[in-house]
Amino acid sequence: MSFLYRLSYFLGGFSAGLFILFFLFNGKRTQCNYGPEARVINNLSEKNWETKTALLSGMSLDSTSVQLLLKHASVNFSESDTKRDSCKRYSLAGYYREKEISWEVENCKKTVYIIDIVLKP
């Protein structure tokens, strides 16, 4: 079989596979979280959120604002305590209303607790 026939069979099968994948995953929210930061943020976003201590008086955190904070957050693993057995603590950094914010959360099995929030000037 010549090269052109093999190339045409390959391109035909490849395009059919792409066509099937396009319709199979069309409209579904598929994502691949390969990095550790993306996995942690995805895990945190799927759980219920509660506060353990009194937070800043000027901040009202509801589920929408927490999801927005998580969407633009980055995990600081050097300040996080991931070796704990019960609930791991993560230090997150991001922006809240155009101000830099750092916050510490405790990731338990079903709930994420906000431990501390610091607005940086």
PDB file of N, CA and C in Angstrom:
ATOM      1  N   MET A   1       0.852  -1.165   0.000  1.00  0.00           N
ATOM      2  CA  MET A   1       0.000   0.000   0.000  1.00  0.00           C
ATOM      3  C   MET A   1       0.901   1.233   0.000  1.00  0.00           C
ATOM      4  N   SER A   2       0.587   2.185  -0.824  1.00  0.00           N
ATOM      5  CA  SER A   2       1.448   3.351  -0.951  1.00  0.00           C
ATOM      6  C   SER A   2       1.205   4.330   0.200  1.00  0.00           C
ATOM      7  N   PHE A   3       2.083   5.275   0.280  1.00  0.00           N
ATOM      8  CA  PHE A   3       2.045   6.263   1.363  1.00  0.00           C
ATOM      9  C   PHE A   3       0.766   7.104   1.306  1.00  0.00           C
ATOM     10  N   LEU A   4       0.319   7.477   0.148  1.00  0.00           N
ATOM     11  CA  LEU A   4      -0.882   8.307   0.028  1.00  0.00           C
ATOM     12  C   LEU A   4      -2.137   7.580   0.517  1.00  0.00           C
ATOM     13  N   TYR A   5      -2.234   6.268   0.246  1.00  0.00           N
ATOM     14  CA  TYR A   5      -3.368   5.506   0.753  1.00  0.00           C
ATOM     15  C   TYR A   5      -3.334   5.427   2.279  1.00  0.00           C
ATOM     16  N   ARG A   6      -2.163   5.171   2.836  1.00  0.00           N
ATOM     17  CA  ARG A   6      -2.050   5.098   4.296  1.00  0.00           C
ATOM     18  C   ARG A   6      -2.356   6.446   4.933  1.00  0.00           C
ATOM     19  N   LEU A   7      -1.872   7.511   4.305  1.00  0.00           N
ATOM     20  CA  LEU A   7      -2.140   8.854   4.826  1.00  0.00           C
ATOM     21  C   LEU A   7      -3.632   9.171   4.759  1.00  0.00           C
ATOM     22  N   SER A   8      -4.298   8.799   3.683  1.00  0.00           N
ATOM     23  CA  SER A   8      -5.739   9.064   3.566  1.00  0.00           C
ATOM     24  C   SER A   8      -6.532   8.254   4.593  1.00  0.00           C
ATOM     25  N   TYR A   9      -6.162   6.987   4.843  1.00  0.00           N
ATOM     26  CA  TYR A   9      -6.829   6.198   5.882  1.00  0.00           C
ATOM     27  C   TYR A   9      -6.606   6.813   7.271  1.00  0.00           C
ATOM     28  N   PHE A  10      -5.385   7.238   7.532  1.00  0.00           N
ATOM     29  CA  PHE A  10      -5.081   7.850   8.824  1.00  0.00           C
ATOM     30  C   PHE A  10      -5.886   9.125   9.017  1.00  0.00           C
ATOM     31  N   LEU A  11      -5.884  10.020   8.036  1.00  0.00           N
ATOM     32  CA  LEU A  11      -6.612  11.282   8.158  1.00  0.00           C
ATOM     33  C   LEU A  11      -8.117  11.059   8.239  1.00  0.00           C
ATOM     34  N   GLY A  12      -8.634  10.069   7.524  1.00  0.00           N
ATOM     35  CA  GLY A  12     -10.057   9.753   7.610  1.00  0.00           C
ATOM     36  C   GLY A  12     -10.449   9.260   8.998  1.00  0.00           C
ATOM     37  N   GLY A  13      -9.672   8.361   9.568  1.00  0.00           N
ATOM     38  CA  GLY A  13      -9.954   7.868  10.917  1.00  0.00           C
ATOM     39  C   GLY A  13      -9.763   8.932  11.975  1.00  0.00           C
ATOM     40  N   PHE A  14      -8.732   9.743  11.802  1.00  0.00           N
ATOM     41  CA  PHE A  14      -8.473  10.813  12.762  1.00  0.00           C
ATOM     42  C   PHE A  14      -9.599  11.840  12.755  1.00  0.00           C
ATOM     43  N   SER A  15     -10.053  12.233  11.567  1.00  0.00           N
ATOM     44  CA  SER A  15     -11.142  13.214  11.489  1.00  0.00           C
ATOM     45  C   SER A  15     -12.454  12.625  12.005  1.00  0.00           C
ATOM     46  N   ALA A  16     -12.714  11.352  11.765  1.00  0.00           N
ATOM     47  CA  ALA A  16     -13.915  10.715  12.313  1.00  0.00           C
ATOM     48  C   ALA A  16     -13.848  10.679  13.838  1.00  0.00           C
ATOM     49  N   GLY A  17     -12.693  10.387  14.394  1.00  0.00           N
ATOM     50  CA  GLY A  17     -12.532  10.383  15.845  1.00  0.00           C
ATOM     51  C   GLY A  17     -12.731  11.762  16.447  1.00  0.00           C
ATOM     52  N   LEU A  18     -12.190  12.788  15.816  1.00  0.00           N
ATOM     53  CA  LEU A  18     -12.400  14.153  16.293  1.00  0.00           C
ATOM     54  C   LEU A  18     -13.869  14.539  16.218  1.00  0.00           C
ATOM     55  N   PHE A  19     -14.534  14.139  15.154  1.00  0.00           N
ATOM     56  CA  PHE A  19     -15.952  14.423  14.985  1.00  0.00           C
ATOM     57  C   PHE A  19     -16.769  13.779  16.113  1.00  0.00           C
ATOM     58  N   ILE A  20     -16.475  12.531  16.428  1.00  0.00           N
ATOM     59  CA  ILE A  20     -17.181  11.825  17.501  1.00  0.00           C
ATOM     60  C   ILE A  20     -16.901  12.470  18.849  1.00  0.00           C
ATOM     61  N   LEU A  21     -15.651  12.806  19.123  1.00  0.00           N
ATOM     62  CA  LEU A  21     -15.311  13.458  20.388  1.00  0.00           C
ATOM     63  C   LEU A  21     -15.973  14.818  20.515  1.00  0.00           C
ATOM     64  N   PHE A  22     -16.049  15.544  19.414  1.00  0.00           N
ATOM     65  CA  PHE A  22     -16.688  16.852  19.448  1.00  0.00           C
ATOM     66  C   PHE A  22     -18.147  16.730  19.881  1.00  0.00           C
ATOM     67  N   PHE A  23     -18.871  15.788  19.345  1.00  0.00           N
ATOM     68  CA  PHE A  23     -20.269  15.628  19.719  1.00  0.00           C
ATOM     69  C   PHE A  23     -20.434  14.931  21.062  1.00  0.00           C
ATOM     70  N   LEU A  24     -19.490  14.124  21.466  1.00  0.00           N
ATOM     71  CA  LEU A  24     -19.573  13.434  22.747  1.00  0.00           C
ATOM     72  C   LEU A  24     -19.376  14.404  23.910  1.00  0.00           C
ATOM     73  N   PHE A  25     -18.407  15.311  23.793  1.00  0.00           N
ATOM     74  CA  PHE A  25     -18.100  16.247  24.875  1.00  0.00           C
ATOM     75  C   PHE A  25     -18.699  17.622  24.662  1.00  0.00           C
ATOM     76  N   ASN A  26     -19.525  17.805  23.669  1.00  0.00           N
ATOM     77  CA  ASN A  26     -20.127  19.099  23.410  1.00  0.00           C
ATOM     78  C   ASN A  26     -21.126  19.434  24.516  1.00  0.00           C
ATOM     79  N   GLY A  27     -20.967  20.588  25.138  1.00  0.00           N
ATOM     80  CA  GLY A  27     -21.880  21.025  26.182  1.00  0.00           C
ATOM     81  C   GLY A  27     -21.549  20.509  27.560  1.00  0.00           C
ATOM     82  N   LYS A  28     -20.618  19.618  27.684  1.00  0.00           N
ATOM     83  CA  LYS A  28     -20.245  19.108  29.001  1.00  0.00           C
ATOM     84  C   LYS A  28     -19.065  19.913  29.517  1.00  0.00           C
ATOM     85  N   ARG A  29     -19.012  20.056  30.799  1.00  0.00           N
ATOM     86  CA  ARG A  29     -17.919  20.796  31.422  1.00  0.00           C
ATOM     87  C   ARG A  29     -16.804  19.811  31.743  1.00  0.00           C
ATOM     88  N   THR A  30     -15.945  19.575  30.795  1.00  0.00           N
ATOM     89  CA  THR A  30     -14.836  18.653  31.000  1.00  0.00           C
ATOM     90  C   THR A  30     -13.577  19.452  31.253  1.00  0.00           C
ATOM     91  N   GLN A  31     -12.813  19.027  32.227  1.00  0.00           N
ATOM     92  CA  GLN A  31     -11.568  19.705  32.547  1.00  0.00           C
ATOM     93  C   GLN A  31     -10.572  18.686  33.077  1.00  0.00           C
ATOM     94  N   CYS A  32      -9.320  18.977  32.890  1.00  0.00           N
ATOM     95  CA  CYS A  32      -8.257  18.103  33.365  1.00  0.00           C
ATOM     96  C   CYS A  32      -7.392  18.902  34.323  1.00  0.00           C
ATOM     97  N   ASN A  33      -7.412  18.519  35.580  1.00  0.00           N
ATOM     98  CA  ASN A  33      -6.630  19.203  36.595  1.00  0.00           C
ATOM     99  C   ASN A  33      -5.359  18.412  36.840  1.00  0.00           C
ATOM    100  N   TYR A  34      -4.321  18.755  36.114  1.00  0.00           N
ATOM    101  CA  TYR A  34      -3.074  18.019  36.230  1.00  0.00           C
ATOM    102  C   TYR A  34      -2.191  18.544  37.347  1.00  0.00           C
ATOM    103  N   GLY A  35      -2.156  19.848  37.533  1.00  0.00           N
ATOM    104  CA  GLY A  35      -1.266  20.434  38.534  1.00  0.00           C
ATOM    105  C   GLY A  35      -1.836  20.325  39.930  1.00  0.00           C
ATOM    106  N   PRO A  36      -0.970  20.343  40.940  1.00  0.00           N
ATOM    107  CA  PRO A  36      -1.459  20.232  42.319  1.00  0.00           C
ATOM    108  C   PRO A  36      -2.318  21.426  42.733  1.00  0.00           C
ATOM    109  N   GLU A  37      -1.990  22.626  42.243  1.00  0.00           N
ATOM    110  CA  GLU A  37      -2.778  23.805  42.601  1.00  0.00           C
ATOM    111  C   GLU A  37      -4.195  23.704  42.040  1.00  0.00           C
ATOM    112  N   ALA A  38      -4.333  23.257  40.819  1.00  0.00           N
ATOM    113  CA  ALA A  38      -5.656  23.112  40.208  1.00  0.00           C
ATOM    114  C   ALA A  38      -6.474  22.036  40.913  1.00  0.00           C
ATOM    115  N   ARG A  39      -5.832  20.960  41.342  1.00  0.00           N
ATOM    116  CA  ARG A  39      -6.561  19.901  42.055  1.00  0.00           C
ATOM    117  C   ARG A  39      -7.063  20.393  43.400  1.00  0.00           C
ATOM    118  N   VAL A  40      -6.227  21.169  44.118  1.00  0.00           N
ATOM    119  CA  VAL A  40      -6.629  21.683  45.430  1.00  0.00           C
ATOM    120  C   VAL A  40      -7.794  22.657  45.277  1.00  0.00           C
ATOM    121  N   ILE A  41      -7.716  23.574  44.336  1.00  0.00           N
ATOM    122  CA  ILE A  41      -8.775  24.556  44.157  1.00  0.00           C
ATOM    123  C   ILE A  41     -10.062  23.883  43.695  1.00  0.00           C
ATOM    124  N   ASN A  42      -9.975  22.882  42.844  1.00  0.00           N
ATOM    125  CA  ASN A  42     -11.160  22.139  42.418  1.00  0.00           C
ATOM    126  C   ASN A  42     -11.777  21.402  43.601  1.00  0.00           C
ATOM    127  N   ASN A  43     -10.966  20.802  44.451  1.00  0.00           N
ATOM    128  CA  ASN A  43     -11.456  20.095  45.634  1.00  0.00           C
ATOM    129  C   ASN A  43     -12.138  21.075  46.591  1.00  0.00           C
ATOM    130  N   LEU A  44     -11.544  22.246  46.788  1.00  0.00           N
ATOM    131  CA  LEU A  44     -12.131  23.237  47.687  1.00  0.00           C
ATOM    132  C   LEU A  44     -13.448  23.782  47.144  1.00  0.00           C
ATOM    133  N   SER A  45     -13.552  23.923  45.845  1.00  0.00           N
ATOM    134  CA  SER A  45     -14.762  24.515  45.267  1.00  0.00           C
ATOM    135  C   SER A  45     -15.954  23.576  45.313  1.00  0.00           C
ATOM    136  N   GLU A  46     -15.740  22.290  45.498  1.00  0.00           N
ATOM    137  CA  GLU A  46     -16.838  21.328  45.517  1.00  0.00           C
ATOM    138  C   GLU A  46     -17.444  21.117  46.903  1.00  0.00           C
ATOM    139  N   LYS A  47     -16.898  21.742  47.936  1.00  0.00           N
ATOM    140  CA  LYS A  47     -17.347  21.473  49.305  1.00  0.00           C
ATOM    141  C   LYS A  47     -18.135  22.644  49.880  1.00  0.00           C
ATOM    142  N   ASN A  48     -18.791  22.390  51.024  1.00  0.00           N
ATOM    143  CA  ASN A  48     -19.504  23.431  51.761  1.00  0.00           C
ATOM    144  C   ASN A  48     -18.508  24.295  52.515  1.00  0.00           C
ATOM    145  N   TRP A  49     -18.815  25.578  52.656  1.00  0.00           N
ATOM    146  CA  TRP A  49     -17.913  26.527  53.303  1.00  0.00           C
ATOM    147  C   TRP A  49     -18.536  27.049  54.598  1.00  0.00           C
ATOM    148  N   GLU A  50     -17.706  27.121  55.648  1.00  0.00           N
ATOM    149  CA  GLU A  50     -18.118  27.690  56.926  1.00  0.00           C
ATOM    150  C   GLU A  50     -16.965  28.496  57.488  1.00  0.00           C
ATOM    151  N   THR A  51     -17.280  29.393  58.429  1.00  0.00           N
ATOM    152  CA  THR A  51     -16.237  30.174  59.089  1.00  0.00           C
ATOM    153  C   THR A  51     -16.097  29.680  60.522  1.00  0.00           C
ATOM    154  N   LYS A  52     -14.863  29.590  60.995  1.00  0.00           N
ATOM    155  CA  LYS A  52     -14.617  29.152  62.368  1.00  0.00           C
ATOM    156  C   LYS A  52     -14.506  30.336  63.322  1.00  0.00           C
ATOM    157  N   THR A  53     -13.965  31.434  62.843  1.00  0.00           N
ATOM    158  CA  THR A  53     -13.767  32.599  63.699  1.00  0.00           C
ATOM    159  C   THR A  53     -14.442  33.806  63.075  1.00  0.00           C
ATOM    160  N   ALA A  54     -14.514  34.890  63.848  1.00  0.00           N
ATOM    161  CA  ALA A  54     -15.092  36.130  63.319  1.00  0.00           C
ATOM    162  C   ALA A  54     -14.133  36.722  62.302  1.00  0.00           C
ATOM    163  N   LEU A  55     -14.667  37.084  61.161  1.00  0.00           N
ATOM    164  CA  LEU A  55     -13.847  37.626  60.087  1.00  0.00           C
ATOM    165  C   LEU A  55     -13.887  39.147  60.113  1.00  0.00           C
ATOM    166  N   LEU A  56     -13.299  39.730  59.114  1.00  0.00           N
ATOM    167  CA  LEU A  56     -13.300  41.178  59.022  1.00  0.00           C
ATOM    168  C   LEU A  56     -14.720  41.712  58.912  1.00  0.00           C
ATOM    169  N   SER A  57     -14.961  42.862  59.543  1.00  0.00           N
ATOM    170  CA  SER A  57     -16.323  43.399  59.566  1.00  0.00           C
ATOM    171  C   SER A  57     -16.773  43.889  58.197  1.00  0.00           C
ATOM    172  N   GLY A  58     -15.860  44.313  57.340  1.00  0.00           N
ATOM    173  CA  GLY A  58     -16.230  44.869  56.052  1.00  0.00           C
ATOM    174  C   GLY A  58     -16.450  43.836  54.972  1.00  0.00           C
ATOM    175  N   MET A  59     -16.256  42.559  55.252  1.00  0.00           N
ATOM    176  CA  MET A  59     -16.380  41.526  54.225  1.00  0.00           C
ATOM    177  C   MET A  59     -17.628  40.694  54.471  1.00  0.00           C
ATOM    178  N   SER A  60     -18.403  40.543  53.438  1.00  0.00           N
ATOM    179  CA  SER A  60     -19.543  39.637  53.500  1.00  0.00           C
ATOM    180  C   SER A  60     -19.264  38.519  52.507  1.00  0.00           C
ATOM    181  N   LEU A  61     -19.007  37.345  53.017  1.00  0.00           N
ATOM    182  CA  LEU A  61     -18.662  36.205  52.160  1.00  0.00           C
ATOM    183  C   LEU A  61     -19.865  35.290  52.024  1.00  0.00           C
ATOM    184  N   ASP A  62     -20.426  35.241  50.827  1.00  0.00           N
ATOM    185  CA  ASP A  62     -21.449  34.263  50.518  1.00  0.00           C
ATOM    186  C   ASP A  62     -20.851  33.265  49.536  1.00  0.00           C
ATOM    187  N   SER A  63     -21.644  32.324  49.090  1.00  0.00           N
ATOM    188  CA  SER A  63     -21.099  31.271  48.229  1.00  0.00           C
ATOM    189  C   SER A  63     -20.612  31.818  46.894  1.00  0.00           C
ATOM    190  N   THR A  64     -21.262  32.860  46.383  1.00  0.00           N
ATOM    191  CA  THR A  64     -20.833  33.442  45.107  1.00  0.00           C
ATOM    192  C   THR A  64     -19.487  34.123  45.229  1.00  0.00           C
ATOM    193  N   SER A  65     -19.297  34.895  46.295  1.00  0.00           N
ATOM    194  CA  SER A  65     -18.013  35.581  46.467  1.00  0.00           C
ATOM    195  C   SER A  65     -16.889  34.596  46.777  1.00  0.00           C
ATOM    196  N   VAL A  66     -17.190  33.512  47.481  1.00  0.00           N
ATOM    197  CA  VAL A  66     -16.172  32.495  47.743  1.00  0.00           C
ATOM    198  C   VAL A  66     -15.755  31.825  46.442  1.00  0.00           C
ATOM    199  N   GLN A  67     -16.724  31.524  45.564  1.00  0.00           N
ATOM    200  CA  GLN A  67     -16.385  30.914  44.279  1.00  0.00           C
ATOM    201  C   GLN A  67     -15.565  31.857  43.408  1.00  0.00           C
ATOM    202  N   LEU A  68     -15.866  33.156  43.453  1.00  0.00           N
ATOM    203  CA  LEU A  68     -15.068  34.135  42.715  1.00  0.00           C
ATOM    204  C   LEU A  68     -13.650  34.231  43.278  1.00  0.00           C
ATOM    205  N   LEU A  69     -13.549  34.199  44.604  1.00  0.00           N
ATOM    206  CA  LEU A  69     -12.221  34.219  45.226  1.00  0.00           C
ATOM    207  C   LEU A  69     -11.421  32.991  44.823  1.00  0.00           C
ATOM    208  N   LEU A  70     -12.059  31.832  44.807  1.00  0.00           N
ATOM    209  CA  LEU A  70     -11.368  30.598  44.432  1.00  0.00           C
ATOM    210  C   LEU A  70     -10.961  30.585  42.967  1.00  0.00           C
ATOM    211  N   LYS A  71     -11.782  31.174  42.131  1.00  0.00           N
ATOM    212  CA  LYS A  71     -11.495  31.158  40.700  1.00  0.00           C
ATOM    213  C   LYS A  71     -10.188  31.883  40.377  1.00  0.00           C
ATOM    214  N   HIS A  72      -9.895  32.931  41.124  1.00  0.00           N
ATOM    215  CA  HIS A  72      -8.692  33.723  40.873  1.00  0.00           C
ATOM    216  C   HIS A  72      -7.639  33.540  41.967  1.00  0.00           C
ATOM    217  N   ALA A  73      -7.747  32.484  42.748  1.00  0.00           N
ATOM    218  CA  ALA A  73      -6.816  32.256  43.855  1.00  0.00           C
ATOM    219  C   ALA A  73      -5.635  31.403  43.411  1.00  0.00           C
ATOM    220  N   SER A  74      -4.563  31.529  44.160  1.00  0.00           N
ATOM    221  CA  SER A  74      -3.409  30.653  43.972  1.00  0.00           C
ATOM    222  C   SER A  74      -3.033  30.086  45.338  1.00  0.00           C
ATOM    223  N   VAL A  75      -2.557  28.860  45.351  1.00  0.00           N
ATOM    224  CA  VAL A  75      -2.226  28.165  46.590  1.00  0.00           C
ATOM    225  C   VAL A  75      -0.750  28.361  46.877  1.00  0.00           C
ATOM    226  N   ASN A  76      -0.451  28.779  48.093  1.00  0.00           N
ATOM    227  CA  ASN A  76       0.928  28.946  48.525  1.00  0.00           C
ATOM    228  C   ASN A  76       1.302  27.699  49.338  1.00  0.00           C
ATOM    229  N   PHE A  77       1.936  26.741  48.679  1.00  0.00           N
ATOM    230  CA  PHE A  77       2.240  25.471  49.338  1.00  0.00           C
ATOM    231  C   PHE A  77       3.338  25.587  50.376  1.00  0.00           C
ATOM    232  N   SER A  78       4.197  26.591  50.288  1.00  0.00           N
ATOM    233  CA  SER A  78       5.265  26.739  51.283  1.00  0.00           C
ATOM    234  C   SER A  78       4.702  27.148  52.638  1.00  0.00           C
ATOM    235  N   GLU A  79       3.552  27.832  52.654  1.00  0.00           N
ATOM    236  CA  GLU A  79       2.923  28.222  53.912  1.00  0.00           C
ATOM    237  C   GLU A  79       1.790  27.288  54.321  1.00  0.00           C
ATOM    238  N   SER A  80       1.474  26.309  53.505  1.00  0.00           N
ATOM    239  CA  SER A  80       0.380  25.380  53.786  1.00  0.00           C
ATOM    240  C   SER A  80       0.888  24.188  54.585  1.00  0.00           C
ATOM    241  N   ASP A  81      -0.027  23.565  55.324  1.00  0.00           N
ATOM    242  CA  ASP A  81       0.296  22.368  56.103  1.00  0.00           C
ATOM    243  C   ASP A  81      -0.488  21.200  55.506  1.00  0.00           C
ATOM    244  N   THR A  82       0.140  20.492  54.582  1.00  0.00           N
ATOM    245  CA  THR A  82      -0.536  19.394  53.885  1.00  0.00           C
ATOM    246  C   THR A  82      -0.218  18.029  54.474  1.00  0.00           C
ATOM    247  N   LYS A  83       0.568  17.966  55.516  1.00  0.00           N
ATOM    248  CA  LYS A  83       0.964  16.685  56.111  1.00  0.00           C
ATOM    249  C   LYS A  83       0.033  16.244  57.239  1.00  0.00           C
ATOM    250  N   ARG A  84      -0.975  17.043  57.549  1.00  0.00           N
ATOM    251  CA  ARG A  84      -1.875  16.716  58.647  1.00  0.00           C
ATOM    252  C   ARG A  84      -2.755  15.517  58.283  1.00  0.00           C
ATOM    253  N   ASP A  85      -3.157  14.763  59.303  1.00  0.00           N
ATOM    254  CA  ASP A  85      -4.017  13.606  59.072  1.00  0.00           C
ATOM    255  C   ASP A  85      -5.487  13.997  58.927  1.00  0.00           C
ATOM    256  N   SER A  86      -5.945  14.894  59.796  1.00  0.00           N
ATOM    257  CA  SER A  86      -7.379  15.183  59.809  1.00  0.00           C
ATOM    258  C   SER A  86      -7.765  16.191  58.723  1.00  0.00           C
ATOM    259  N   CYS A  87      -7.526  17.440  58.951  1.00  0.00           N
ATOM    260  CA  CYS A  87      -7.917  18.500  58.014  1.00  0.00           C
ATOM    261  C   CYS A  87      -6.663  19.255  57.582  1.00  0.00           C
ATOM    262  N   LYS A  88      -6.404  19.253  56.307  1.00  0.00           N
ATOM    263  CA  LYS A  88      -5.220  19.933  55.787  1.00  0.00           C
ATOM    264  C   LYS A  88      -5.479  21.433  55.739  1.00  0.00           C
ATOM    265  N   ARG A  89      -4.437  22.227  56.006  1.00  0.00           N
ATOM    266  CA  ARG A  89      -4.552  23.685  55.957  1.00  0.00           C
ATOM    267  C   ARG A  89      -3.843  24.206  54.725  1.00  0.00           C
ATOM    268  N   TYR A  90      -4.526  25.090  54.020  1.00  0.00           N
ATOM    269  CA  TYR A  90      -3.964  25.686  52.815  1.00  0.00           C
ATOM    270  C   TYR A  90      -3.959  27.197  52.957  1.00  0.00           C
ATOM    271  N   SER A  91      -2.901  27.803  52.478  1.00  0.00           N
ATOM    272  CA  SER A  91      -2.785  29.246  52.430  1.00  0.00           C
ATOM    273  C   SER A  91      -3.038  29.681  50.988  1.00  0.00           C
ATOM    274  N   LEU A  92      -4.038  30.535  50.804  1.00  0.00           N
ATOM    275  CA  LEU A  92      -4.433  30.990  49.474  1.00  0.00           C
ATOM    276  C   LEU A  92      -4.172  32.482  49.339  1.00  0.00           C
ATOM    277  N   ALA A  93      -3.912  32.920  48.137  1.00  0.00           N
ATOM    278  CA  ALA A  93      -3.718  34.342  47.853  1.00  0.00           C
ATOM    279  C   ALA A  93      -4.521  34.697  46.620  1.00  0.00           C
ATOM    280  N   GLY A  94      -5.047  35.905  46.608  1.00  0.00           N
ATOM    281  CA  GLY A  94      -5.836  36.339  45.468  1.00  0.00           C
ATOM    282  C   GLY A  94      -6.222  37.791  45.613  1.00  0.00           C
ATOM    283  N   TYR A  95      -7.306  38.180  44.941  1.00  0.00           N
ATOM    284  CA  TYR A  95      -7.788  39.561  44.976  1.00  0.00           C
ATOM    285  C   TYR A  95      -9.269  39.573  45.306  1.00  0.00           C
ATOM    286  N   TYR A  96      -9.669  40.522  46.169  1.00  0.00           N
ATOM    287  CA  TYR A  96     -11.061  40.730  46.540  1.00  0.00           C
ATOM    288  C   TYR A  96     -11.359  42.215  46.389  1.00  0.00           C
ATOM    289  N   ARG A  97     -12.217  42.555  45.452  1.00  0.00           N
ATOM    290  CA  ARG A  97     -12.566  43.944  45.154  1.00  0.00           C
ATOM    291  C   ARG A  97     -11.322  44.786  44.906  1.00  0.00           C
ATOM    292  N   GLU A  98     -10.467  44.261  44.063  1.00  0.00           N
ATOM    293  CA  GLU A  98      -9.235  44.908  43.609  1.00  0.00           C
ATOM    294  C   GLU A  98      -8.224  45.151  44.729  1.00  0.00           C
ATOM    295  N   LYS A  99      -8.334  44.432  45.825  1.00  0.00           N
ATOM    296  CA  LYS A  99      -7.350  44.483  46.903  1.00  0.00           C
ATOM    297  C   LYS A  99      -6.758  43.096  47.077  1.00  0.00           C
ATOM    298  N   GLU A 100      -5.466  43.070  47.379  1.00  0.00           N
ATOM    299  CA  GLU A 100      -4.813  41.782  47.578  1.00  0.00           C
ATOM    300  C   GLU A 100      -5.279  41.180  48.891  1.00  0.00           C
ATOM    301  N   ILE A 101      -5.539  39.887  48.843  1.00  0.00           N
ATOM    302  CA  ILE A 101      -6.062  39.188  50.011  1.00  0.00           C
ATOM    303  C   ILE A 101      -5.300  37.875  50.183  1.00  0.00           C
ATOM    304  N   SER A 102      -5.035  37.524  51.423  1.00  0.00           N
ATOM    305  CA  SER A 102      -4.486  36.203  51.715  1.00  0.00           C
ATOM    306  C   SER A 102      -5.397  35.575  52.764  1.00  0.00           C
ATOM    307  N   TRP A 103      -5.677  34.308  52.586  1.00  0.00           N
ATOM    308  CA  TRP A 103      -6.583  33.638  53.496  1.00  0.00           C
ATOM    309  C   TRP A 103      -6.133  32.222  53.733  1.00  0.00           C
ATOM    310  N   GLU A 104      -6.494  31.736  54.880  1.00  0.00           N
ATOM    311  CA  GLU A 104      -6.113  30.390  55.287  1.00  0.00           C
ATOM    312  C   GLU A 104      -7.383  29.579  55.499  1.00  0.00           C
ATOM    313  N   VAL A 105      -7.411  28.398  54.889  1.00  0.00           N
ATOM    314  CA  VAL A 105      -8.583  27.538  54.993  1.00  0.00           C
ATOM    315  C   VAL A 105      -8.161  26.166  55.491  1.00  0.00           C
ATOM    316  N   GLU A 106      -9.111  25.486  56.107  1.00  0.00           N
ATOM    317  CA  GLU A 106      -8.900  24.132  56.601  1.00  0.00           C
ATOM    318  C   GLU A 106      -9.810  23.203  55.806  1.00  0.00           C
ATOM    319  N   ASN A 107      -9.220  22.284  55.071  1.00  0.00           N
ATOM    320  CA  ASN A 107      -9.952  21.403  54.168  1.00  0.00           C
ATOM    321  C   ASN A 107     -10.234  20.074  54.861  1.00  0.00           C
ATOM    322  N   CYS A 108     -11.477  19.898  55.312  1.00  0.00           N
ATOM    323  CA  CYS A 108     -11.895  18.642  55.932  1.00  0.00           C
ATOM    324  C   CYS A 108     -12.628  17.789  54.899  1.00  0.00           C
ATOM    325  N   LYS A 109     -13.180  16.645  55.325  1.00  0.00           N
ATOM    326  CA  LYS A 109     -13.776  15.707  54.373  1.00  0.00           C
ATOM    327  C   LYS A 109     -14.968  16.293  53.624  1.00  0.00           C
ATOM    328  N   LYS A 110     -15.889  16.941  54.337  1.00  0.00           N
ATOM    329  CA  LYS A 110     -17.095  17.449  53.693  1.00  0.00           C
ATOM    330  C   LYS A 110     -17.204  18.966  53.727  1.00  0.00           C
ATOM    331  N   THR A 111     -16.398  19.621  54.549  1.00  0.00           N
ATOM    332  CA  THR A 111     -16.536  21.062  54.755  1.00  0.00           C
ATOM    333  C   THR A 111     -15.175  21.732  54.704  1.00  0.00           C
ATOM    334  N   VAL A 112     -15.169  22.968  54.228  1.00  0.00           N
ATOM    335  CA  VAL A 112     -13.976  23.807  54.233  1.00  0.00           C
ATOM    336  C   VAL A 112     -14.240  24.947  55.207  1.00  0.00           C
ATOM    337  N   TYR A 113     -13.343  25.114  56.170  1.00  0.00           N
ATOM    338  CA  TYR A 113     -13.480  26.166  57.173  1.00  0.00           C
ATOM    339  C   TYR A 113     -12.519  27.300  56.857  1.00  0.00           C
ATOM    340  N   ILE A 114     -13.024  28.520  56.880  1.00  0.00           N
ATOM    341  CA  ILE A 114     -12.169  29.693  56.702  1.00  0.00           C
ATOM    342  C   ILE A 114     -11.601  30.044  58.063  1.00  0.00           C
ATOM    343  N   ILE A 115     -10.279  29.988  58.184  1.00  0.00           N
ATOM    344  CA  ILE A 115      -9.615  30.243  59.458  1.00  0.00           C
ATOM    345  C   ILE A 115      -9.272  31.724  59.618  1.00  0.00           C
ATOM    346  N   ASP A 116      -8.669  32.298  58.580  1.00  0.00           N
ATOM    347  CA  ASP A 116      -8.211  33.678  58.695  1.00  0.00           C
ATOM    348  C   ASP A 116      -8.232  34.342  57.324  1.00  0.00           C
ATOM    349  N   ILE A 117      -8.593  35.622  57.306  1.00  0.00           N
ATOM    350  CA  ILE A 117      -8.562  36.418  56.081  1.00  0.00           C
ATOM    351  C   ILE A 117      -7.842  37.719  56.399  1.00  0.00           C
ATOM    352  N   VAL A 118      -6.864  38.065  55.544  1.00  0.00           N
ATOM    353  CA  VAL A 118      -6.099  39.292  55.731  1.00  0.00           C
ATOM    354  C   VAL A 118      -6.142  40.088  54.422  1.00  0.00           C
ATOM    355  N   LEU A 119      -6.678  41.308  54.500  1.00  0.00           N
ATOM    356  CA  LEU A 119      -6.637  42.226  53.363  1.00  0.00           C
ATOM    357  C   LEU A 119      -5.346  43.011  53.432  1.00  0.00           C
ATOM    358  N   LYS A 120      -4.576  42.978  52.357  1.00  0.00           N
ATOM    359  CA  LYS A 120      -3.312  43.696  52.338  1.00  0.00           C
ATOM    360  C   LYS A 120      -3.539  45.076  51.706  1.00  0.00           C
ATOM    361  N   PRO A 121      -2.915  46.098  52.277  1.00  0.00           N
ATOM    362  CA  PRO A 121      -3.125  47.469  51.742  1.00  0.00           C
ATOM    363  C   PRO A 121      -2.481  47.687  50.386  1.00  0.00           C
TER     364      PRO A 121
END
